[in-house]
N, C-alpha and C. Protein backbone atom coordinates (compact mmCIF):
# COMPACT_ATOMS: atom_id res chain seq x y z
N MET A 1 0.82 -1.20 0.00
CA MET A 1 0.00 0.00 0.00
C MET A 1 0.87 1.26 0.00
N LEU A 2 1.98 1.25 0.76
CA LEU A 2 2.84 2.42 0.83
C LEU A 2 3.41 2.77 -0.54
N GLY A 3 3.81 1.77 -1.30
CA GLY A 3 4.32 2.01 -2.64
C GLY A 3 3.26 2.65 -3.53
N ALA A 4 2.02 2.19 -3.41
CA ALA A 4 0.93 2.76 -4.20
C ALA A 4 0.67 4.21 -3.81
N MET A 5 0.78 4.51 -2.51
CA MET A 5 0.60 5.90 -2.06
C MET A 5 1.68 6.79 -2.65
N ASN A 6 2.92 6.34 -2.58
CA ASN A 6 4.01 7.12 -3.15
C ASN A 6 3.83 7.29 -4.66
N ASP A 7 3.34 6.22 -5.31
CA ASP A 7 3.14 6.28 -6.76
C ASP A 7 2.11 7.34 -7.13
N ILE A 8 0.97 7.37 -6.44
CA ILE A 8 -0.08 8.33 -6.79
C ILE A 8 0.37 9.75 -6.46
N LEU A 9 1.10 9.94 -5.36
CA LEU A 9 1.61 11.27 -5.04
C LEU A 9 2.64 11.72 -6.08
N ALA A 10 3.51 10.81 -6.47
CA ALA A 10 4.51 11.14 -7.48
C ALA A 10 3.85 11.44 -8.82
N GLN A 11 2.84 10.67 -9.18
CA GLN A 11 2.11 10.89 -10.43
C GLN A 11 1.40 12.24 -10.39
N LEU A 12 0.75 12.55 -9.28
CA LEU A 12 0.05 13.82 -9.14
C LEU A 12 1.05 14.99 -9.19
N HIS A 13 2.18 14.84 -8.50
CA HIS A 13 3.18 15.89 -8.50
C HIS A 13 3.72 16.13 -9.92
N ALA A 14 3.93 15.06 -10.67
CA ALA A 14 4.40 15.20 -12.05
C ALA A 14 3.36 15.90 -12.92
N THR A 15 2.10 15.56 -12.74
CA THR A 15 1.03 16.20 -13.49
C THR A 15 0.95 17.68 -13.15
N ILE A 16 1.04 18.00 -11.87
CA ILE A 16 1.00 19.39 -11.42
C ILE A 16 2.16 20.17 -12.03
N THR A 17 3.35 19.60 -11.98
CA THR A 17 4.53 20.27 -12.53
C THR A 17 4.38 20.50 -14.03
N ALA A 18 3.81 19.54 -14.73
CA ALA A 18 3.60 19.67 -16.17
C ALA A 18 2.60 20.78 -16.49
N ARG A 19 1.68 21.02 -15.58
CA ARG A 19 0.66 22.04 -15.81
C ARG A 19 1.17 23.46 -15.62
N LYS A 20 2.38 23.62 -15.12
CA LYS A 20 2.95 24.96 -14.95
C LYS A 20 2.95 25.73 -16.26
N SER A 21 3.14 25.03 -17.35
CA SER A 21 3.23 25.70 -18.65
C SER A 21 1.92 25.67 -19.43
N ALA A 22 0.86 25.13 -18.82
CA ALA A 22 -0.44 25.07 -19.51
C ALA A 22 -1.12 26.44 -19.49
N ALA A 23 -2.07 26.60 -20.36
CA ALA A 23 -2.84 27.85 -20.39
C ALA A 23 -3.76 27.91 -19.18
N LYS A 24 -3.78 29.07 -18.54
CA LYS A 24 -4.60 29.23 -17.33
C LYS A 24 -6.08 29.04 -17.61
N GLU A 25 -6.49 29.24 -18.86
CA GLU A 25 -7.91 29.08 -19.22
C GLU A 25 -8.31 27.62 -19.37
N THR A 26 -7.33 26.74 -19.51
CA THR A 26 -7.65 25.33 -19.75
C THR A 26 -7.32 24.43 -18.57
N SER A 27 -6.68 24.99 -17.54
CA SER A 27 -6.23 24.15 -16.42
C SER A 27 -6.37 24.91 -15.11
N TYR A 28 -7.10 24.32 -14.17
CA TYR A 28 -7.22 24.92 -12.84
C TYR A 28 -5.84 25.05 -12.20
N THR A 29 -5.02 24.03 -12.35
CA THR A 29 -3.67 24.05 -11.78
C THR A 29 -2.87 25.20 -12.37
N ALA A 30 -2.92 25.35 -13.69
CA ALA A 30 -2.21 26.45 -14.33
C ALA A 30 -2.72 27.79 -13.85
N SER A 31 -4.03 27.90 -13.61
CA SER A 31 -4.58 29.16 -13.12
C SER A 31 -4.05 29.47 -11.72
N LEU A 32 -3.83 28.45 -10.91
CA LEU A 32 -3.22 28.66 -9.59
C LEU A 32 -1.80 29.19 -9.73
N PHE A 33 -1.02 28.56 -10.61
CA PHE A 33 0.35 29.03 -10.82
C PHE A 33 0.36 30.47 -11.31
N HIS A 34 -0.57 30.80 -12.18
CA HIS A 34 -0.65 32.15 -12.73
C HIS A 34 -0.94 33.18 -11.61
N LYS A 35 -1.74 32.79 -10.63
CA LYS A 35 -2.09 33.71 -9.53
C LYS A 35 -0.97 33.85 -8.51
N GLY A 36 -0.02 32.94 -8.52
CA GLY A 36 1.16 33.06 -7.67
C GLY A 36 1.11 32.28 -6.38
N SER A 37 2.27 32.17 -5.75
CA SER A 37 2.40 31.31 -4.56
C SER A 37 1.63 31.85 -3.36
N ASP A 38 1.46 33.17 -3.24
CA ASP A 38 0.66 33.69 -2.13
C ASP A 38 -0.78 33.21 -2.23
N HIS A 39 -1.33 33.23 -3.44
CA HIS A 39 -2.70 32.74 -3.65
C HIS A 39 -2.78 31.24 -3.36
N ILE A 40 -1.79 30.51 -3.83
CA ILE A 40 -1.78 29.06 -3.60
C ILE A 40 -1.71 28.76 -2.10
N ALA A 41 -0.89 29.51 -1.38
CA ALA A 41 -0.77 29.33 0.08
C ALA A 41 -2.11 29.60 0.76
N LYS A 42 -2.81 30.63 0.31
CA LYS A 42 -4.14 30.93 0.89
C LYS A 42 -5.12 29.80 0.61
N LYS A 43 -5.07 29.24 -0.61
CA LYS A 43 -5.93 28.10 -0.95
C LYS A 43 -5.61 26.91 -0.05
N LEU A 44 -4.33 26.68 0.20
CA LEU A 44 -3.94 25.58 1.08
C LEU A 44 -4.52 25.79 2.48
N CYS A 45 -4.42 27.00 2.98
CA CYS A 45 -4.99 27.31 4.31
C CYS A 45 -6.50 27.09 4.33
N GLU A 46 -7.16 27.53 3.27
CA GLU A 46 -8.61 27.35 3.16
C GLU A 46 -8.97 25.87 3.18
N GLU A 47 -8.25 25.08 2.41
CA GLU A 47 -8.54 23.64 2.35
C GLU A 47 -8.22 22.96 3.69
N ALA A 48 -7.15 23.40 4.35
CA ALA A 48 -6.81 22.83 5.65
C ALA A 48 -7.90 23.14 6.68
N ALA A 49 -8.45 24.35 6.63
CA ALA A 49 -9.55 24.71 7.54
C ALA A 49 -10.77 23.84 7.26
N GLU A 50 -11.09 23.63 5.99
CA GLU A 50 -12.23 22.78 5.64
C GLU A 50 -12.00 21.34 6.11
N CYS A 51 -10.77 20.90 6.04
CA CYS A 51 -10.40 19.56 6.52
C CYS A 51 -10.61 19.47 8.03
N ALA A 52 -10.16 20.50 8.74
CA ALA A 52 -10.31 20.52 10.20
C ALA A 52 -11.79 20.55 10.60
N ILE A 53 -12.59 21.30 9.88
CA ILE A 53 -14.03 21.38 10.17
C ILE A 53 -14.68 20.02 9.95
N ALA A 54 -14.34 19.35 8.87
CA ALA A 54 -14.87 18.01 8.61
C ALA A 54 -14.48 17.05 9.73
N SER A 55 -13.25 17.19 10.22
CA SER A 55 -12.79 16.36 11.33
C SER A 55 -13.60 16.64 12.58
N ALA A 56 -13.80 17.91 12.89
CA ALA A 56 -14.56 18.29 14.09
C ALA A 56 -16.00 17.78 14.04
N LYS A 57 -16.54 17.70 12.83
CA LYS A 57 -17.91 17.21 12.65
C LYS A 57 -17.97 15.68 12.54
N HIS A 58 -16.81 15.04 12.60
CA HIS A 58 -16.71 13.58 12.44
C HIS A 58 -17.33 13.12 11.12
N ASP A 59 -17.18 13.95 10.11
CA ASP A 59 -17.71 13.66 8.77
C ASP A 59 -16.60 13.01 7.96
N HIS A 60 -16.49 11.71 8.06
CA HIS A 60 -15.37 10.98 7.47
C HIS A 60 -15.33 11.09 5.95
N ALA A 61 -16.49 11.08 5.31
CA ALA A 61 -16.51 11.20 3.85
C ALA A 61 -15.97 12.56 3.42
N ASN A 62 -16.43 13.63 4.06
CA ASN A 62 -15.96 14.96 3.71
C ASN A 62 -14.51 15.16 4.14
N LEU A 63 -14.12 14.55 5.25
CA LEU A 63 -12.73 14.63 5.69
C LEU A 63 -11.81 14.03 4.63
N THR A 64 -12.19 12.91 4.08
CA THR A 64 -11.42 12.27 3.02
C THR A 64 -11.30 13.20 1.81
N TYR A 65 -12.42 13.78 1.40
CA TYR A 65 -12.45 14.68 0.25
C TYR A 65 -11.57 15.90 0.50
N GLU A 66 -11.71 16.52 1.66
CA GLU A 66 -10.95 17.73 1.98
C GLU A 66 -9.45 17.41 2.16
N ALA A 67 -9.14 16.24 2.71
CA ALA A 67 -7.74 15.85 2.86
C ALA A 67 -7.08 15.72 1.49
N ALA A 68 -7.81 15.21 0.51
CA ALA A 68 -7.28 15.13 -0.85
C ALA A 68 -7.02 16.53 -1.40
N ASP A 69 -7.93 17.47 -1.12
CA ASP A 69 -7.72 18.85 -1.55
C ASP A 69 -6.47 19.45 -0.88
N VAL A 70 -6.27 19.15 0.39
CA VAL A 70 -5.08 19.66 1.11
C VAL A 70 -3.81 19.13 0.45
N LEU A 71 -3.78 17.83 0.19
CA LEU A 71 -2.59 17.25 -0.44
C LEU A 71 -2.34 17.84 -1.82
N TYR A 72 -3.40 17.99 -2.60
CA TYR A 72 -3.27 18.58 -3.94
C TYR A 72 -2.69 19.99 -3.86
N HIS A 73 -3.29 20.84 -3.03
CA HIS A 73 -2.83 22.22 -2.94
C HIS A 73 -1.42 22.32 -2.34
N LEU A 74 -1.08 21.42 -1.44
CA LEU A 74 0.29 21.39 -0.92
C LEU A 74 1.27 21.06 -2.04
N LEU A 75 0.94 20.09 -2.86
CA LEU A 75 1.82 19.72 -3.98
C LEU A 75 1.95 20.87 -4.98
N VAL A 76 0.86 21.62 -5.20
CA VAL A 76 0.92 22.78 -6.09
C VAL A 76 1.86 23.82 -5.49
N LEU A 77 1.73 24.06 -4.19
CA LEU A 77 2.59 25.05 -3.53
C LEU A 77 4.06 24.63 -3.59
N LEU A 78 4.32 23.36 -3.33
CA LEU A 78 5.70 22.87 -3.43
C LEU A 78 6.25 23.08 -4.83
N SER A 79 5.44 22.75 -5.82
CA SER A 79 5.88 22.91 -7.21
C SER A 79 6.11 24.38 -7.55
N ALA A 80 5.29 25.26 -7.02
CA ALA A 80 5.46 26.69 -7.27
C ALA A 80 6.81 27.19 -6.75
N HIS A 81 7.31 26.53 -5.71
CA HIS A 81 8.60 26.90 -5.13
C HIS A 81 9.73 25.97 -5.57
N ASN A 82 9.43 25.12 -6.54
CA ASN A 82 10.42 24.15 -7.06
C ASN A 82 10.98 23.25 -5.97
N VAL A 83 10.14 22.88 -5.03
CA VAL A 83 10.50 21.91 -3.99
C VAL A 83 9.97 20.56 -4.45
N SER A 84 10.85 19.60 -4.58
CA SER A 84 10.44 18.30 -5.09
C SER A 84 9.74 17.48 -4.01
N LEU A 85 8.87 16.62 -4.47
CA LEU A 85 8.22 15.67 -3.57
C LEU A 85 9.27 14.77 -2.94
N GLU A 86 10.31 14.43 -3.69
CA GLU A 86 11.38 13.58 -3.18
C GLU A 86 12.07 14.24 -1.99
N ALA A 87 12.26 15.55 -2.04
CA ALA A 87 12.90 16.27 -0.93
C ALA A 87 12.04 16.19 0.33
N VAL A 88 10.72 16.32 0.15
CA VAL A 88 9.81 16.24 1.31
C VAL A 88 9.81 14.82 1.87
N LEU A 89 9.74 13.83 0.99
CA LEU A 89 9.76 12.44 1.45
C LEU A 89 11.08 12.10 2.13
N ALA A 90 12.18 12.65 1.62
CA ALA A 90 13.49 12.42 2.26
C ALA A 90 13.51 13.04 3.65
N GLU A 91 12.90 14.19 3.81
CA GLU A 91 12.84 14.82 5.13
C GLU A 91 12.01 13.98 6.09
N LEU A 92 10.90 13.45 5.61
CA LEU A 92 10.10 12.55 6.45
C LEU A 92 10.89 11.30 6.82
N GLN A 93 11.64 10.77 5.86
CA GLN A 93 12.48 9.59 6.13
C GLN A 93 13.53 9.93 7.19
N ARG A 94 14.13 11.11 7.09
CA ARG A 94 15.14 11.53 8.06
C ARG A 94 14.55 11.59 9.47
N ARG A 95 13.31 11.98 9.57
CA ARG A 95 12.66 12.11 10.87
C ARG A 95 12.14 10.79 11.43
N GLU A 96 12.05 9.77 10.57
CA GLU A 96 11.51 8.49 11.00
C GLU A 96 12.29 7.95 12.19
N GLY A 97 11.58 7.59 13.23
CA GLY A 97 12.21 7.02 14.42
C GLY A 97 12.74 8.06 15.38
N VAL A 98 12.60 9.33 15.05
CA VAL A 98 13.05 10.40 15.94
C VAL A 98 11.83 10.95 16.68
N SER A 99 11.96 11.08 17.97
CA SER A 99 10.88 11.63 18.77
C SER A 99 10.52 13.01 18.25
N GLY A 100 9.22 13.30 18.17
CA GLY A 100 8.77 14.62 17.76
C GLY A 100 9.31 15.71 18.67
N ILE A 101 9.40 15.41 19.93
CA ILE A 101 9.94 16.39 20.89
C ILE A 101 11.41 16.64 20.60
N ALA A 102 12.16 15.57 20.40
CA ALA A 102 13.60 15.71 20.11
C ALA A 102 13.81 16.43 18.78
N GLU A 103 12.98 16.13 17.79
CA GLU A 103 13.13 16.77 16.48
C GLU A 103 12.88 18.27 16.59
N LYS A 104 11.86 18.68 17.33
CA LYS A 104 11.57 20.09 17.49
C LYS A 104 12.69 20.80 18.26
N GLN A 105 13.23 20.13 19.27
CA GLN A 105 14.33 20.73 20.03
C GLN A 105 15.57 20.90 19.18
N SER A 106 15.80 20.00 18.24
CA SER A 106 16.99 20.09 17.39
C SER A 106 16.91 21.31 16.47
N ARG A 107 15.72 21.79 16.17
CA ARG A 107 15.56 22.98 15.32
C ARG A 107 15.97 24.24 16.05
N LYS A 108 15.89 24.24 17.37
CA LYS A 108 16.21 25.42 18.18
C LYS A 108 17.70 25.62 18.34
N GLU A 109 18.45 24.56 18.13
CA GLU A 109 19.91 24.63 18.35
C GLU A 109 20.64 25.29 17.22
């Protein structure tokens, strides 16, 4: 299952990156890129809030839908800043097995 998750995220990230050069009139993703990273960041915040509201309401179907929107908009934002999905996954791998408390403390040093 983990391989399939990575595959769909990688496929989505590749599609998003390819849409950078698409016409904004023909692609929602391209229209986001055209509006800039500040707009994309605001969309990500909006989707995260909708995800949190679905969670608070225990609406699992809507939570699933909104979580997909969060992941999509996060990938768009990463692509807008030329941050690869591989870099994010490598950072998660680096943190694997490290206490969250210890990881946060290491950032302060």
